[in-house]
C-alpha atoms as a PDB file:
ATOM      1  CA  UNK A   1     -16.987 -17.211  -1.874  1.00  0.00           C
ATOM      2  CA  UNK A   2     -14.945 -14.107  -1.256  1.00  0.00           C
ATOM      3  CA  UNK A   3     -16.234 -11.047   0.598  1.00  0.00           C
ATOM      4  CA  UNK A   4     -14.099  -8.794  -1.594  1.00  0.00           C
ATOM      5  CA  UNK A   5     -15.046  -6.598  -4.540  1.00  0.00           C
ATOM      6  CA  UNK A   6     -12.047  -5.553  -6.610  1.00  0.00           C
ATOM      7  CA  UNK A   7     -11.374  -3.148  -9.454  1.00  0.00           C
ATOM      8  CA  UNK A   8      -8.030  -2.340 -11.014  1.00  0.00           C
ATOM      9  CA  UNK A   9      -7.128   0.115  -8.272  1.00  0.00           C
ATOM     10  CA  UNK A  10      -9.485  -0.299  -5.296  1.00  0.00           C
ATOM     11  CA  UNK A  11     -10.711  -3.324  -3.356  1.00  0.00           C
ATOM     12  CA  UNK A  12     -13.714  -3.231  -1.025  1.00  0.00           C
ATOM     13  CA  UNK A  13     -13.555  -5.676   1.863  1.00  0.00           C
ATOM     14  CA  UNK A  14     -14.852  -6.083   5.411  1.00  0.00           C
ATOM     15  CA  UNK A  15     -12.937  -3.758   7.727  1.00  0.00           C
ATOM     16  CA  UNK A  16     -10.374  -5.384   9.999  1.00  0.00           C
ATOM     17  CA  UNK A  17      -9.557  -4.273  13.534  1.00  0.00           C
ATOM     18  CA  UNK A  18      -6.064  -3.329  12.342  1.00  0.00           C
ATOM     19  CA  UNK A  19      -7.670  -0.693  10.064  1.00  0.00           C
ATOM     20  CA  UNK A  20      -9.539   1.123  12.857  1.00  0.00           C
ATOM     21  CA  UNK A  21      -6.840   3.621  13.904  1.00  0.00           C
ATOM     22  CA  UNK A  22      -6.571   4.995  10.350  1.00  0.00           C
ATOM     23  CA  UNK A  23     -10.289   5.610   9.814  1.00  0.00           C
ATOM     24  CA  UNK A  24     -10.779   8.918  11.712  1.00  0.00           C
ATOM     25  CA  UNK A  25      -8.006  10.514   9.596  1.00  0.00           C
ATOM     26  CA  UNK A  26      -9.668   9.276   6.417  1.00  0.00           C
ATOM     27  CA  UNK A  27     -13.024  10.674   7.557  1.00  0.00           C
ATOM     28  CA  UNK A  28     -11.470  14.039   8.441  1.00  0.00           C
ATOM     29  CA  UNK A  29      -9.759  14.252   5.060  1.00  0.00           C
ATOM     30  CA  UNK A  30     -12.973  13.380   3.232  1.00  0.00           C
ATOM     31  CA  UNK A  31     -14.908  15.967   5.240  1.00  0.00           C
ATOM     32  CA  UNK A  32     -12.446  18.709   4.316  1.00  0.00           C
ATOM     33  CA  UNK A  33     -13.340  18.212   0.649  1.00  0.00           C
ATOM     34  CA  UNK A  34     -16.799  19.614   1.413  1.00  0.00           C
ATOM     35  CA  UNK A  35     -15.563  22.835   3.062  1.00  0.00           C
ATOM     36  CA  UNK A  36     -15.670  24.818  -0.180  1.00  0.00           C
ATOM     37  CA  UNK A  37     -19.230  23.769  -1.068  1.00  0.00           C
ATOM     38  CA  UNK A  38     -21.659  26.183   0.588  1.00  0.00           C
ATOM     39  CA  UNK A  39     -24.572  23.782   1.080  1.00  0.00           C
ATOM     40  CA  UNK A  40     -22.329  20.942   2.253  1.00  0.00           C
ATOM     41  CA  UNK A  41     -19.757  22.805   4.340  1.00  0.00           C
ATOM     42  CA  UNK A  42     -21.456  21.536   7.519  1.00  0.00           C
ATOM     43  CA  UNK A  43     -19.946  18.131   6.736  1.00  0.00           C
ATOM     44  CA  UNK A  44     -16.432  19.521   7.098  1.00  0.00           C
ATOM     45  CA  UNK A  45     -17.409  21.092  10.424  1.00  0.00           C
ATOM     46  CA  UNK A  46     -18.833  17.879  11.881  1.00  0.00           C
ATOM     47  CA  UNK A  47     -16.749  15.674  14.114  1.00  0.00           C
ATOM     48  CA  UNK A  48     -15.455  12.284  13.064  1.00  0.00           C
ATOM     49  CA  UNK A  49     -16.350   8.868  14.423  1.00  0.00           C
ATOM     50  CA  UNK A  50     -14.104   7.633  17.228  1.00  0.00           C
ATOM     51  CA  UNK A  51     -11.890   4.585  16.827  1.00  0.00           C
ATOM     52  CA  UNK A  52     -14.147   2.890  19.390  1.00  0.00           C
ATOM     53  CA  UNK A  53     -17.245   3.558  17.254  1.00  0.00           C
ATOM     54  CA  UNK A  54     -15.493   2.050  14.244  1.00  0.00           C
ATOM     55  CA  UNK A  55     -14.527  -1.010  16.288  1.00  0.00           C
ATOM     56  CA  UNK A  56     -18.129  -1.482  17.414  1.00  0.00           C
ATOM     57  CA  UNK A  57     -19.320  -1.501  13.787  1.00  0.00           C
ATOM     58  CA  UNK A  58     -16.471  -3.852  12.803  1.00  0.00           C
ATOM     59  CA  UNK A  59     -17.561  -6.319  15.507  1.00  0.00           C
ATOM     60  CA  UNK A  60     -21.129  -6.107  14.166  1.00  0.00           C
ATOM     61  CA  UNK A  61     -19.893  -6.911  10.623  1.00  0.00           C
ATOM     62  CA  UNK A  62     -21.371  -3.559   9.570  1.00  0.00           C
ATOM     63  CA  UNK A  63     -18.193  -1.806   8.402  1.00  0.00           C
ATOM     64  CA  UNK A  64     -16.567  -2.021   4.974  1.00  0.00           C
ATOM     65  CA  UNK A  65     -13.360  -0.419   3.790  1.00  0.00           C
ATOM     66  CA  UNK A  66     -11.972   0.529   0.377  1.00  0.00           C
ATOM     67  CA  UNK A  67      -8.254  -0.237   0.160  1.00  0.00           C
ATOM     68  CA  UNK A  68      -5.609   0.587  -2.419  1.00  0.00           C
ATOM     69  CA  UNK A  69      -3.265  -1.906  -4.083  1.00  0.00           C
ATOM     70  CA  UNK A  70      -1.092  -1.882  -0.922  1.00  0.00           C
ATOM     71  CA  UNK A  71      -4.125  -2.837   1.226  1.00  0.00           C
ATOM     72  CA  UNK A  72      -4.152   0.612   2.899  1.00  0.00           C
ATOM     73  CA  UNK A  73      -7.622   2.038   3.652  1.00  0.00           C
ATOM     74  CA  UNK A  74      -8.653   4.991   1.491  1.00  0.00           C
ATOM     75  CA  UNK A  75     -12.368   5.107   2.341  1.00  0.00           C
ATOM     76  CA  UNK A  76     -15.041   3.309   4.325  1.00  0.00           C
ATOM     77  CA  UNK A  77     -18.739   2.882   4.964  1.00  0.00           C
ATOM     78  CA  UNK A  78     -20.482   2.096   8.231  1.00  0.00           C
ATOM     79  CA  UNK A  79     -23.808   0.331   7.728  1.00  0.00           C
ATOM     80  CA  UNK A  80     -26.919  -0.334   9.751  1.00  0.00           C
ATOM     81  CA  UNK A  81     -29.561  -2.964   9.117  1.00  0.00           C
ATOM     82  CA  UNK A  82     -32.991  -1.480   8.497  1.00  0.00           C
ATOM     83  CA  UNK A  83     -36.002  -2.923  10.313  1.00  0.00           C
ATOM     84  CA  UNK A  84     -38.089  -5.301   8.256  1.00  0.00           C
END
């Protein structure tokens, strides 16, 4: 079974270590989109996760990335298991 979810333009897959350096830029860019929304502007003012934090989540298999047709990351999610 594959760990990938694909649409015509975006594929979601587990994040690879090679993706980690690109993720802070993606987070910064996403945050900037909120700067013009009054109630959400705090998001654009927040810092981004460090490459090291991303790597920690990748090692825990708790990080997924959305990639374009060229396999370049365009978004991501960091997850955390909830207590039972």
